[in-house]
Structure formats: structure tokens, C-alpha cells
Amino acid sequence: MLDDKKAILIDKIKSVIIEMIHYADELPDVNYSEYISQKLGYDYTYLANVFSEVKGVTIQQFIITHKIEKVKELLLYDELNLTEISYKLHYSSVAHLSNQFKKLRVFPLLFTNS
């Protein structure tokens, strides 16, 4: 029963993140932890602990992975340059965005069963 509740919560966390990054016109102005916590009505530390325990990666890593996927999508289908994309996805600079691409190699299997 407890595992079912955790699985449902994980699905809700993933849905909030995917909706936030892939389907919202703008990313939220509040930080992601606050946004996710508000959307789901749980303390972020609790959400982060459950997510890490079940998925084996942090919520932050999951967010980074989806942001990079969004960057790839924007590069392929939009007429935005890297500077515009980095601004749209709230990166502090193109260099920061580039570093996120490099970090992604650390957890490339994140999308497995996502």
C-alpha cells in the first residue's frame, strides 16, 4: 500500500515537472522547489526524499534533464538562438546552459521509465 502511494506521488511530481517545462508558456518565477511544493501540497523536502528514494535521482536532476530536452526541441523546431533559449528557460547564461548539457552525461538513463 505504501509503495502504491509513493508511486502515485512520483507520477504527480513528474507530471508537474513535465507540464511546467514542456507545456507552460513560461516557466514559473518562483523557484522550482516552491512551485512543485505548492502544486502538490507537500513539503518539498518530503517530495525530494521520496523521489530520490524511488527513482534513484534527484528532482533537480530530473528537471535538468527535461530542460535539456526542451532546449533540444526549441533548437530543432523554433527560430530561437541559444541566448534566447537560455533566457526563456531561466538559465543565467549560455555558458550555464552549456554546462547543463555536459552534466547530463552524469545521469543519461534518467528518462528510462520516466
PDB file of N, CA and C in Angstrom:
ATOM      1  N   MET A   1       0.832  -1.195   0.000  1.00  0.00           N
ATOM      2  CA  MET A   1       0.000   0.000   0.000  1.00  0.00           C
ATOM      3  C   MET A   1       0.874   1.255   0.000  1.00  0.00           C
ATOM      4  N   LEU A   2       1.936   1.257   0.816  1.00  0.00           N
ATOM      5  CA  LEU A   2       2.828   2.407   0.899  1.00  0.00           C
ATOM      6  C   LEU A   2       3.540   2.635  -0.429  1.00  0.00           C
ATOM      7  N   ASP A   3       3.958   1.541  -1.068  1.00  0.00           N
ATOM      8  CA  ASP A   3       4.626   1.666  -2.368  1.00  0.00           C
ATOM      9  C   ASP A   3       3.688   2.251  -3.414  1.00  0.00           C
ATOM     10  N   ASP A   4       2.413   1.889  -3.376  1.00  0.00           N
ATOM     11  CA  ASP A   4       1.432   2.449  -4.303  1.00  0.00           C
ATOM     12  C   ASP A   4       1.287   3.958  -4.109  1.00  0.00           C
ATOM     13  N   LYS A   5       1.243   4.386  -2.854  1.00  0.00           N
ATOM     14  CA  LYS A   5       1.131   5.822  -2.568  1.00  0.00           C
ATOM     15  C   LYS A   5       2.366   6.566  -3.070  1.00  0.00           C
ATOM     16  N   LYS A   6       3.530   5.970  -2.868  1.00  0.00           N
ATOM     17  CA  LYS A   6       4.764   6.593  -3.347  1.00  0.00           C
ATOM     18  C   LYS A   6       4.777   6.662  -4.872  1.00  0.00           C
ATOM     19  N   ALA A   7       4.347   5.597  -5.528  1.00  0.00           N
ATOM     20  CA  ALA A   7       4.322   5.569  -6.994  1.00  0.00           C
ATOM     21  C   ALA A   7       3.380   6.646  -7.530  1.00  0.00           C
ATOM     22  N   ILE A   8       2.240   6.806  -6.887  1.00  0.00           N
ATOM     23  CA  ILE A   8       1.283   7.837  -7.301  1.00  0.00           C
ATOM     24  C   ILE A   8       1.891   9.221  -7.110  1.00  0.00           C
ATOM     25  N   LEU A   9       2.552   9.423  -5.981  1.00  0.00           N
ATOM     26  CA  LEU A   9       3.184  10.713  -5.706  1.00  0.00           C
ATOM     27  C   LEU A   9       4.298  10.998  -6.713  1.00  0.00           C
ATOM     28  N   ILE A  10       5.087   9.999  -7.041  1.00  0.00           N
ATOM     29  CA  ILE A  10       6.158  10.159  -8.031  1.00  0.00           C
ATOM     30  C   ILE A  10       5.560  10.561  -9.371  1.00  0.00           C
ATOM     31  N   ASP A  11       4.481   9.904  -9.778  1.00  0.00           N
ATOM     32  CA  ASP A  11       3.816  10.253 -11.039  1.00  0.00           C
ATOM     33  C   ASP A  11       3.325  11.697 -11.018  1.00  0.00           C
ATOM     34  N   LYS A  12       2.809  12.145  -9.883  1.00  0.00           N
ATOM     35  CA  LYS A  12       2.340  13.532  -9.767  1.00  0.00           C
ATOM     36  C   LYS A  12       3.510  14.511  -9.872  1.00  0.00           C
ATOM     37  N   ILE A  13       4.613  14.187  -9.208  1.00  0.00           N
ATOM     38  CA  ILE A  13       5.801  15.053  -9.282  1.00  0.00           C
ATOM     39  C   ILE A  13       6.280  15.154 -10.726  1.00  0.00           C
ATOM     40  N   LYS A  14       6.390  14.010 -11.387  1.00  0.00           N
ATOM     41  CA  LYS A  14       6.855  14.006 -12.782  1.00  0.00           C
ATOM     42  C   LYS A  14       5.896  14.786 -13.665  1.00  0.00           C
ATOM     43  N   SER A  15       4.602  14.638 -13.441  1.00  0.00           N
ATOM     44  CA  SER A  15       3.614  15.362 -14.249  1.00  0.00           C
ATOM     45  C   SER A  15       3.735  16.866 -14.079  1.00  0.00           C
ATOM     46  N   VAL A  16       3.921  17.320 -12.838  1.00  0.00           N
ATOM     47  CA  VAL A  16       4.078  18.753 -12.574  1.00  0.00           C
ATOM     48  C   VAL A  16       5.315  19.282 -13.299  1.00  0.00           C
ATOM     49  N   ILE A  17       6.406  18.547 -13.222  1.00  0.00           N
ATOM     50  CA  ILE A  17       7.657  18.981 -13.853  1.00  0.00           C
ATOM     51  C   ILE A  17       7.510  19.002 -15.373  1.00  0.00           C
ATOM     52  N   ILE A  18       6.963  17.953 -15.933  1.00  0.00           N
ATOM     53  CA  ILE A  18       6.799  17.869 -17.387  1.00  0.00           C
ATOM     54  C   ILE A  18       5.875  18.968 -17.887  1.00  0.00           C
ATOM     55  N   GLU A  19       4.771  19.188 -17.182  1.00  0.00           N
ATOM     56  CA  GLU A  19       3.846  20.257 -17.567  1.00  0.00           C
ATOM     57  C   GLU A  19       4.533  21.611 -17.476  1.00  0.00           C
ATOM     58  N   MET A  20       5.265  21.830 -16.388  1.00  0.00           N
ATOM     59  CA  MET A  20       5.950  23.104 -16.161  1.00  0.00           C
ATOM     60  C   MET A  20       6.957  23.400 -17.276  1.00  0.00           C
ATOM     61  N   ILE A  21       7.720  22.402 -17.679  1.00  0.00           N
ATOM     62  CA  ILE A  21       8.802  22.640 -18.635  1.00  0.00           C
ATOM     63  C   ILE A  21       8.335  22.535 -20.081  1.00  0.00           C
ATOM     64  N   HIS A  22       7.532  21.549 -20.384  1.00  0.00           N
ATOM     65  CA  HIS A  22       7.194  21.284 -21.780  1.00  0.00           C
ATOM     66  C   HIS A  22       5.907  21.949 -22.270  1.00  0.00           C
ATOM     67  N   TYR A  23       4.979  22.251 -21.377  1.00  0.00           N
ATOM     68  CA  TYR A  23       3.678  22.721 -21.845  1.00  0.00           C
ATOM     69  C   TYR A  23       3.292  24.119 -21.395  1.00  0.00           C
ATOM     70  N   ALA A  24       3.949  24.657 -20.392  1.00  0.00           N
ATOM     71  CA  ALA A  24       3.650  26.019 -19.950  1.00  0.00           C
ATOM     72  C   ALA A  24       4.299  27.016 -20.905  1.00  0.00           C
ATOM     73  N   ASP A  25       3.624  28.131 -21.114  1.00  0.00           N
ATOM     74  CA  ASP A  25       4.193  29.168 -21.980  1.00  0.00           C
ATOM     75  C   ASP A  25       5.434  29.788 -21.353  1.00  0.00           C
ATOM     76  N   GLU A  26       5.417  29.913 -20.051  1.00  0.00           N
ATOM     77  CA  GLU A  26       6.535  30.497 -19.309  1.00  0.00           C
ATOM     78  C   GLU A  26       6.851  29.605 -18.113  1.00  0.00           C
ATOM     79  N   LEU A  27       8.127  29.498 -17.756  1.00  0.00           N
ATOM     80  CA  LEU A  27       8.494  28.806 -16.532  1.00  0.00           C
ATOM     81  C   LEU A  27       8.090  29.679 -15.349  1.00  0.00           C
ATOM     82  N   PRO A  28       7.780  29.078 -14.205  1.00  0.00           N
ATOM     83  CA  PRO A  28       7.360  29.894 -13.055  1.00  0.00           C
ATOM     84  C   PRO A  28       8.479  30.810 -12.577  1.00  0.00           C
ATOM     85  N   ASP A  29       8.069  31.953 -12.010  1.00  0.00           N
ATOM     86  CA  ASP A  29       9.043  32.908 -11.488  1.00  0.00           C
ATOM     87  C   ASP A  29       9.588  32.474 -10.130  1.00  0.00           C
ATOM     88  N   VAL A  30       8.822  31.677  -9.394  1.00  0.00           N
ATOM     89  CA  VAL A  30       9.314  31.160  -8.117  1.00  0.00           C
ATOM     90  C   VAL A  30      10.272  30.012  -8.402  1.00  0.00           C
ATOM     91  N   ASN A  31      11.085  29.648  -7.399  1.00  0.00           N
ATOM     92  CA  ASN A  31      11.998  28.544  -7.658  1.00  0.00           C
ATOM     93  C   ASN A  31      11.206  27.246  -7.774  1.00  0.00           C
ATOM     94  N   TYR A  32      11.808  26.278  -8.432  1.00  0.00           N
ATOM     95  CA  TYR A  32      11.099  25.044  -8.765  1.00  0.00           C
ATOM     96  C   TYR A  32      10.629  24.280  -7.537  1.00  0.00           C
ATOM     97  N   SER A  33      11.439  24.275  -6.501  1.00  0.00           N
ATOM     98  CA  SER A  33      11.052  23.542  -5.297  1.00  0.00           C
ATOM     99  C   SER A  33       9.772  24.126  -4.704  1.00  0.00           C
ATOM    100  N   GLU A  34       9.691  25.442  -4.662  1.00  0.00           N
ATOM    101  CA  GLU A  34       8.495  26.104  -4.141  1.00  0.00           C
ATOM    102  C   GLU A  34       7.288  25.829  -5.038  1.00  0.00           C
ATOM    103  N   TYR A  35       7.492  25.894  -6.336  1.00  0.00           N
ATOM    104  CA  TYR A  35       6.419  25.651  -7.302  1.00  0.00           C
ATOM    105  C   TYR A  35       5.856  24.232  -7.152  1.00  0.00           C
ATOM    106  N   ILE A  36       6.731  23.249  -7.116  1.00  0.00           N
ATOM    107  CA  ILE A  36       6.307  21.851  -7.005  1.00  0.00           C
ATOM    108  C   ILE A  36       5.604  21.615  -5.669  1.00  0.00           C
ATOM    109  N   SER A  37       6.151  22.164  -4.613  1.00  0.00           N
ATOM    110  CA  SER A  37       5.565  22.030  -3.291  1.00  0.00           C
ATOM    111  C   SER A  37       4.157  22.633  -3.250  1.00  0.00           C
ATOM    112  N   GLN A  38       4.004  23.819  -3.816  1.00  0.00           N
ATOM    113  CA  GLN A  38       2.692  24.480  -3.850  1.00  0.00           C
ATOM    114  C   GLN A  38       1.690  23.681  -4.675  1.00  0.00           C
ATOM    115  N   LYS A  39       2.120  23.198  -5.836  1.00  0.00           N
ATOM    116  CA  LYS A  39       1.230  22.452  -6.728  1.00  0.00           C
ATOM    117  C   LYS A  39       0.714  21.173  -6.081  1.00  0.00           C
ATOM    118  N   LEU A  40       1.578  20.502  -5.316  1.00  0.00           N
ATOM    119  CA  LEU A  40       1.215  19.200  -4.775  1.00  0.00           C
ATOM    120  C   LEU A  40       0.781  19.241  -3.308  1.00  0.00           C
ATOM    121  N   GLY A  41       1.027  20.357  -2.646  1.00  0.00           N
ATOM    122  CA  GLY A  41       0.592  20.493  -1.264  1.00  0.00           C
ATOM    123  C   GLY A  41       1.397  19.676  -0.267  1.00  0.00           C
ATOM    124  N   TYR A  42       2.651  19.427  -0.595  1.00  0.00           N
ATOM    125  CA  TYR A  42       3.551  18.692   0.293  1.00  0.00           C
ATOM    126  C   TYR A  42       4.807  19.506   0.513  1.00  0.00           C
ATOM    127  N   ASP A  43       5.466  19.264   1.624  1.00  0.00           N
ATOM    128  CA  ASP A  43       6.763  19.861   1.896  1.00  0.00           C
ATOM    129  C   ASP A  43       7.761  19.367   0.847  1.00  0.00           C
ATOM    130  N   TYR A  44       8.559  20.279   0.308  1.00  0.00           N
ATOM    131  CA  TYR A  44       9.483  19.899  -0.762  1.00  0.00           C
ATOM    132  C   TYR A  44      10.507  18.863  -0.309  1.00  0.00           C
ATOM    133  N   THR A  45      10.977  18.972   0.915  1.00  0.00           N
ATOM    134  CA  THR A  45      11.966  18.006   1.407  1.00  0.00           C
ATOM    135  C   THR A  45      11.393  16.592   1.366  1.00  0.00           C
ATOM    136  N   TYR A  46      10.146  16.450   1.774  1.00  0.00           N
ATOM    137  CA  TYR A  46       9.483  15.146   1.721  1.00  0.00           C
ATOM    138  C   TYR A  46       9.396  14.653   0.278  1.00  0.00           C
ATOM    139  N   LEU A  47       8.946  15.529  -0.619  1.00  0.00           N
ATOM    140  CA  LEU A  47       8.838  15.155  -2.039  1.00  0.00           C
ATOM    141  C   LEU A  47      10.196  14.743  -2.599  1.00  0.00           C
ATOM    142  N   ALA A  48      11.211  15.523  -2.287  1.00  0.00           N
ATOM    143  CA  ALA A  48      12.555  15.248  -2.803  1.00  0.00           C
ATOM    144  C   ALA A  48      13.081  13.915  -2.282  1.00  0.00           C
ATOM    145  N   ASN A  49      12.832  13.633  -1.013  1.00  0.00           N
ATOM    146  CA  ASN A  49      13.307  12.378  -0.430  1.00  0.00           C
ATOM    147  C   ASN A  49      12.607  11.172  -1.051  1.00  0.00           C
ATOM    148  N   VAL A  50      11.301  11.256  -1.210  1.00  0.00           N
ATOM    149  CA  VAL A  50      10.550  10.151  -1.812  1.00  0.00           C
ATOM    150  C   VAL A  50      10.994   9.947  -3.262  1.00  0.00           C
ATOM    151  N   PHE A  51      11.124  11.036  -3.994  1.00  0.00           N
ATOM    152  CA  PHE A  51      11.512  10.953  -5.399  1.00  0.00           C
ATOM    153  C   PHE A  51      12.883  10.293  -5.539  1.00  0.00           C
ATOM    154  N   SER A  52      13.839  10.753  -4.763  1.00  0.00           N
ATOM    155  CA  SER A  52      15.200  10.201  -4.828  1.00  0.00           C
ATOM    156  C   SER A  52      15.228   8.734  -4.431  1.00  0.00           C
ATOM    157  N   GLU A  53      14.479   8.412  -3.401  1.00  0.00           N
ATOM    158  CA  GLU A  53      14.431   7.028  -2.924  1.00  0.00           C
ATOM    159  C   GLU A  53      13.883   6.089  -4.003  1.00  0.00           C
ATOM    160  N   VAL A  54      12.824   6.505  -4.672  1.00  0.00           N
ATOM    161  CA  VAL A  54      12.158   5.639  -5.642  1.00  0.00           C
ATOM    162  C   VAL A  54      12.847   5.668  -7.012  1.00  0.00           C
ATOM    163  N   LYS A  55      13.214   6.850  -7.481  1.00  0.00           N
ATOM    164  CA  LYS A  55      13.761   6.993  -8.839  1.00  0.00           C
ATOM    165  C   LYS A  55      15.280   6.859  -8.909  1.00  0.00           C
ATOM    166  N   GLY A  56      15.955   7.062  -7.801  1.00  0.00           N
ATOM    167  CA  GLY A  56      17.407   6.952  -7.811  1.00  0.00           C
ATOM    168  C   GLY A  56      18.117   8.181  -8.343  1.00  0.00           C
ATOM    169  N   VAL A  57      17.370   9.235  -8.584  1.00  0.00           N
ATOM    170  CA  VAL A  57      17.927  10.533  -9.000  1.00  0.00           C
ATOM    171  C   VAL A  57      17.172  11.620  -8.241  1.00  0.00           C
ATOM    172  N   THR A  58      17.739  12.803  -8.197  1.00  0.00           N
ATOM    173  CA  THR A  58      17.072  13.903  -7.504  1.00  0.00           C
ATOM    174  C   THR A  58      16.042  14.563  -8.421  1.00  0.00           C
ATOM    175  N   ILE A  59      15.138  15.292  -7.798  1.00  0.00           N
ATOM    176  CA  ILE A  59      14.166  16.070  -8.579  1.00  0.00           C
ATOM    177  C   ILE A  59      14.922  17.061  -9.459  1.00  0.00           C
ATOM    178  N   GLN A  60      15.965  17.660  -8.914  1.00  0.00           N
ATOM    179  CA  GLN A  60      16.749  18.631  -9.680  1.00  0.00           C
ATOM    180  C   GLN A  60      17.349  17.997 -10.939  1.00  0.00           C
ATOM    181  N   GLN A  61      17.862  16.787 -10.818  1.00  0.00           N
ATOM    182  CA  GLN A  61      18.405  16.096 -11.990  1.00  0.00           C
ATOM    183  C   GLN A  61      17.309  15.818 -13.013  1.00  0.00           C
ATOM    184  N   PHE A  62      16.146  15.447 -12.534  1.00  0.00           N
ATOM    185  CA  PHE A  62      15.009  15.197 -13.425  1.00  0.00           C
ATOM    186  C   PHE A  62      14.618  16.490 -14.152  1.00  0.00           C
ATOM    187  N   ILE A  63      14.599  17.596 -13.429  1.00  0.00           N
ATOM    188  CA  ILE A  63      14.273  18.901 -14.031  1.00  0.00           C
ATOM    189  C   ILE A  63      15.316  19.277 -15.075  1.00  0.00           C
ATOM    190  N   ILE A  64      16.589  19.146 -14.739  1.00  0.00           N
ATOM    191  CA  ILE A  64      17.660  19.481 -15.684  1.00  0.00           C
ATOM    192  C   ILE A  64      17.519  18.665 -16.963  1.00  0.00           C
ATOM    193  N   THR A  65      17.268  17.390 -16.801  1.00  0.00           N
ATOM    194  CA  THR A  65      17.118  16.522 -17.974  1.00  0.00           C
ATOM    195  C   THR A  65      15.982  16.992 -18.862  1.00  0.00           C
ATOM    196  N   HIS A  66      14.869  17.339 -18.263  1.00  0.00           N
ATOM    197  CA  HIS A  66      13.729  17.804 -19.065  1.00  0.00           C
ATOM    198  C   HIS A  66      13.981  19.183 -19.671  1.00  0.00           C
ATOM    199  N   LYS A  67      14.695  20.027 -18.954  1.00  0.00           N
ATOM    200  CA  LYS A  67      15.033  21.327 -19.527  1.00  0.00           C
ATOM    201  C   LYS A  67      15.940  21.155 -20.744  1.00  0.00           C
ATOM    202  N   ILE A  68      16.881  20.238 -20.659  1.00  0.00           N
ATOM    203  CA  ILE A  68      17.774  19.994 -21.800  1.00  0.00           C
ATOM    204  C   ILE A  68      16.978  19.424 -22.973  1.00  0.00           C
ATOM    205  N   GLU A  69      16.033  18.559 -22.695  1.00  0.00           N
ATOM    206  CA  GLU A  69      15.165  18.043 -23.766  1.00  0.00           C
ATOM    207  C   GLU A  69      14.374  19.180 -24.402  1.00  0.00           C
ATOM    208  N   LYS A  70      13.921  20.121 -23.586  1.00  0.00           N
ATOM    209  CA  LYS A  70      13.197  21.288 -24.099  1.00  0.00           C
ATOM    210  C   LYS A  70      14.129  22.157 -24.951  1.00  0.00           C
ATOM    211  N   VAL A  71      15.363  22.313 -24.526  1.00  0.00           N
ATOM    212  CA  VAL A  71      16.351  23.070 -25.309  1.00  0.00           C
ATOM    213  C   VAL A  71      16.507  22.428 -26.683  1.00  0.00           C
ATOM    214  N   LYS A  72      16.673  21.115 -26.707  1.00  0.00           N
ATOM    215  CA  LYS A  72      16.817  20.404 -27.982  1.00  0.00           C
ATOM    216  C   LYS A  72      15.604  20.635 -28.874  1.00  0.00           C
ATOM    217  N   GLU A  73      14.433  20.553 -28.269  1.00  0.00           N
ATOM    218  CA  GLU A  73      13.187  20.779 -29.015  1.00  0.00           C
ATOM    219  C   GLU A  73      13.142  22.195 -29.584  1.00  0.00           C
ATOM    220  N   LEU A  74      13.489  23.178 -28.760  1.00  0.00           N
ATOM    221  CA  LEU A  74      13.470  24.571 -29.218  1.00  0.00           C
ATOM    222  C   LEU A  74      14.490  24.819 -30.325  1.00  0.00           C
ATOM    223  N   LEU A  75      15.640  24.178 -30.219  1.00  0.00           N
ATOM    224  CA  LEU A  75      16.650  24.331 -31.268  1.00  0.00           C
ATOM    225  C   LEU A  75      16.181  23.725 -32.585  1.00  0.00           C
ATOM    226  N   LEU A  76      15.490  22.607 -32.495  1.00  0.00           N
ATOM    227  CA  LEU A  76      15.027  21.927 -33.706  1.00  0.00           C
ATOM    228  C   LEU A  76      13.837  22.611 -34.367  1.00  0.00           C
ATOM    229  N   TYR A  77      12.883  23.068 -33.573  1.00  0.00           N
ATOM    230  CA  TYR A  77      11.606  23.493 -34.141  1.00  0.00           C
ATOM    231  C   TYR A  77      11.311  24.983 -34.065  1.00  0.00           C
ATOM    232  N   ASP A  78      12.016  25.715 -33.236  1.00  0.00           N
ATOM    233  CA  ASP A  78      11.773  27.148 -33.131  1.00  0.00           C
ATOM    234  C   ASP A  78      12.893  27.915 -33.811  1.00  0.00           C
ATOM    235  N   GLU A  79      12.681  29.183 -33.932  1.00  0.00           N
ATOM    236  CA  GLU A  79      13.696  30.025 -34.540  1.00  0.00           C
ATOM    237  C   GLU A  79      14.417  30.845 -33.470  1.00  0.00           C
ATOM    238  N   LEU A  80      14.633  30.226 -32.320  1.00  0.00           N
ATOM    239  CA  LEU A  80      15.324  30.895 -31.228  1.00  0.00           C
ATOM    240  C   LEU A  80      16.797  30.515 -31.238  1.00  0.00           C
ATOM    241  N   ASN A  81      17.637  31.471 -30.877  1.00  0.00           N
ATOM    242  CA  ASN A  81      19.056  31.151 -30.740  1.00  0.00           C
ATOM    243  C   ASN A  81      19.335  30.730 -29.295  1.00  0.00           C
ATOM    244  N   LEU A  82      20.548  30.315 -29.016  1.00  0.00           N
ATOM    245  CA  LEU A  82      20.879  29.822 -27.676  1.00  0.00           C
ATOM    246  C   LEU A  82      20.696  30.878 -26.589  1.00  0.00           C
ATOM    247  N   THR A  83      20.988  32.108 -26.894  1.00  0.00           N
ATOM    248  CA  THR A  83      20.811  33.178 -25.911  1.00  0.00           C
ATOM    249  C   THR A  83      19.333  33.314 -25.558  1.00  0.00           C
ATOM    250  N   GLU A  84      18.466  33.313 -26.567  1.00  0.00           N
ATOM    251  CA  GLU A  84      17.028  33.426 -26.327  1.00  0.00           C
ATOM    252  C   GLU A  84      16.488  32.210 -25.577  1.00  0.00           C
ATOM    253  N   ILE A  85      16.982  31.040 -25.928  1.00  0.00           N
ATOM    254  CA  ILE A  85      16.555  29.808 -25.253  1.00  0.00           C
ATOM    255  C   ILE A  85      17.001  29.820 -23.797  1.00  0.00           C
ATOM    256  N   SER A  86      18.245  30.219 -23.555  1.00  0.00           N
ATOM    257  CA  SER A  86      18.729  30.240 -22.175  1.00  0.00           C
ATOM    258  C   SER A  86      17.898  31.211 -21.327  1.00  0.00           C
ATOM    259  N   TYR A  87      17.505  32.330 -21.911  1.00  0.00           N
ATOM    260  CA  TYR A  87      16.656  33.293 -21.205  1.00  0.00           C
ATOM    261  C   TYR A  87      15.271  32.703 -20.956  1.00  0.00           C
ATOM    262  N   LYS A  88      14.689  32.108 -21.978  1.00  0.00           N
ATOM    263  CA  LYS A  88      13.342  31.528 -21.886  1.00  0.00           C
ATOM    264  C   LYS A  88      13.268  30.440 -20.811  1.00  0.00           C
ATOM    265  N   LEU A  89      14.343  29.653 -20.665  1.00  0.00           N
ATOM    266  CA  LEU A  89      14.342  28.558 -19.709  1.00  0.00           C
ATOM    267  C   LEU A  89      15.030  28.914 -18.384  1.00  0.00           C
ATOM    268  N   HIS A  90      15.229  30.223 -18.173  1.00  0.00           N
ATOM    269  CA  HIS A  90      15.750  30.764 -16.912  1.00  0.00           C
ATOM    270  C   HIS A  90      17.175  30.332 -16.588  1.00  0.00           C
ATOM    271  N   TYR A  91      17.989  30.127 -17.602  1.00  0.00           N
ATOM    272  CA  TYR A  91      19.414  29.906 -17.355  1.00  0.00           C
ATOM    273  C   TYR A  91      20.068  31.268 -17.197  1.00  0.00           C
ATOM    274  N   SER A  92      21.069  31.359 -16.354  1.00  0.00           N
ATOM    275  CA  SER A  92      21.726  32.645 -16.114  1.00  0.00           C
ATOM    276  C   SER A  92      22.569  33.091 -17.302  1.00  0.00           C
ATOM    277  N   SER A  93      22.988  32.116 -18.131  1.00  0.00           N
ATOM    278  CA  SER A  93      23.806  32.436 -19.302  1.00  0.00           C
ATOM    279  C   SER A  93      23.835  31.234 -20.247  1.00  0.00           C
ATOM    280  N   VAL A  94      24.324  31.470 -21.440  1.00  0.00           N
ATOM    281  CA  VAL A  94      24.505  30.371 -22.386  1.00  0.00           C
ATOM    282  C   VAL A  94      25.545  29.396 -21.840  1.00  0.00           C
ATOM    283  N   ALA A  95      26.556  29.924 -21.146  1.00  0.00           N
ATOM    284  CA  ALA A  95      27.584  29.060 -20.558  1.00  0.00           C
ATOM    285  C   ALA A  95      26.966  28.109 -19.525  1.00  0.00           C
ATOM    286  N   HIS A  96      26.047  28.616 -18.733  1.00  0.00           N
ATOM    287  CA  HIS A  96      25.369  27.762 -17.748  1.00  0.00           C
ATOM    288  C   HIS A  96      24.570  26.678 -18.453  1.00  0.00           C
ATOM    289  N   LEU A  97      23.869  27.048 -19.500  1.00  0.00           N
ATOM    290  CA  LEU A  97      23.121  26.073 -20.300  1.00  0.00           C
ATOM    291  C   LEU A  97      24.060  25.015 -20.869  1.00  0.00           C
ATOM    292  N   SER A  98      25.184  25.440 -21.374  1.00  0.00           N
ATOM    293  CA  SER A  98      26.173  24.518 -21.923  1.00  0.00           C
ATOM    294  C   SER A  98      26.675  23.550 -20.851  1.00  0.00           C
ATOM    295  N   ASN A  99      26.899  24.057 -19.665  1.00  0.00           N
ATOM    296  CA  ASN A  99      27.345  23.198 -18.558  1.00  0.00           C
ATOM    297  C   ASN A  99      26.290  22.154 -18.206  1.00  0.00           C
ATOM    298  N   GLN A 100      25.029  22.510 -18.336  1.00  0.00           N
ATOM    299  CA  GLN A 100      23.963  21.553 -18.055  1.00  0.00           C
ATOM    300  C   GLN A 100      23.991  20.404 -19.064  1.00  0.00           C
ATOM    301  N   PHE A 101      24.285  20.720 -20.320  1.00  0.00           N
ATOM    302  CA  PHE A 101      24.439  19.659 -21.322  1.00  0.00           C
ATOM    303  C   PHE A 101      25.538  18.691 -20.894  1.00  0.00           C
ATOM    304  N   LYS A 102      26.642  19.241 -20.427  1.00  0.00           N
ATOM    305  CA  LYS A 102      27.770  18.404 -20.018  1.00  0.00           C
ATOM    306  C   LYS A 102      27.412  17.561 -18.794  1.00  0.00           C
ATOM    307  N   LYS A 103      26.702  18.148 -17.844  1.00  0.00           N
ATOM    308  CA  LYS A 103      26.306  17.424 -16.643  1.00  0.00           C
ATOM    309  C   LYS A 103      25.352  16.280 -16.964  1.00  0.00           C
ATOM    310  N   LEU A 104      24.596  16.436 -18.011  1.00  0.00           N
ATOM    311  CA  LEU A 104      23.607  15.422 -18.371  1.00  0.00           C
ATOM    312  C   LEU A 104      24.256  14.071 -18.598  1.00  0.00           C
ATOM    313  N   ARG A 105      25.498  14.065 -18.996  1.00  0.00           N
ATOM    314  CA  ARG A 105      26.207  12.796 -19.196  1.00  0.00           C
ATOM    315  C   ARG A 105      26.331  12.012 -17.896  1.00  0.00           C
ATOM    316  N   VAL A 106      26.218  12.691 -16.774  1.00  0.00           N
ATOM    317  CA  VAL A 106      26.341  12.036 -15.477  1.00  0.00           C
ATOM    318  C   VAL A 106      25.137  11.141 -15.198  1.00  0.00           C
ATOM    319  N   PHE A 107      23.974  11.526 -15.716  1.00  0.00           N
ATOM    320  CA  PHE A 107      22.768  10.729 -15.477  1.00  0.00           C
ATOM    321  C   PHE A 107      21.967  10.551 -16.769  1.00  0.00           C
ATOM    322  N   PRO A 108      22.558   9.916 -17.791  1.00  0.00           N
ATOM    323  CA  PRO A 108      21.901   9.795 -19.093  1.00  0.00           C
ATOM    324  C   PRO A 108      20.708   8.856 -19.124  1.00  0.00           C
ATOM    325  N   LEU A 109      20.592   7.961 -18.181  1.00  0.00           N
ATOM    326  CA  LEU A 109      19.496   6.992 -18.206  1.00  0.00           C
ATOM    327  C   LEU A 109      18.273   7.489 -17.448  1.00  0.00           C
ATOM    328  N   LEU A 110      18.253   8.763 -17.143  1.00  0.00           N
ATOM    329  CA  LEU A 110      17.170   9.328 -16.361  1.00  0.00           C
ATOM    330  C   LEU A 110      15.809   9.135 -17.014  1.00  0.00           C
ATOM    331  N   PHE A 111      15.750   9.138 -18.326  1.00  0.00           N
ATOM    332  CA  PHE A 111      14.457   9.018 -18.984  1.00  0.00           C
ATOM    333  C   PHE A 111      13.949   7.585 -19.021  1.00  0.00           C
ATOM    334  N   THR A 112      14.757   6.629 -18.641  1.00  0.00           N
ATOM    335  CA  THR A 112      14.285   5.262 -18.580  1.00  0.00           C
ATOM    336  C   THR A 112      13.168   5.179 -17.549  1.00  0.00           C
ATOM    337  N   ASN A 113      12.041   4.697 -17.982  1.00  0.00           N
ATOM    338  CA  ASN A 113      10.853   4.578 -17.125  1.00  0.00           C
ATOM    339  C   ASN A 113      10.412   5.899 -16.555  1.00  0.00           C
ATOM    340  N   SER A 114      10.652   6.988 -17.261  1.00  0.00           N
ATOM    341  CA  SER A 114      10.192   8.270 -16.757  1.00  0.00           C
ATOM    342  C   SER A 114       8.781   8.504 -17.217  1.00  0.00           C
TER     343      SER A 114
END
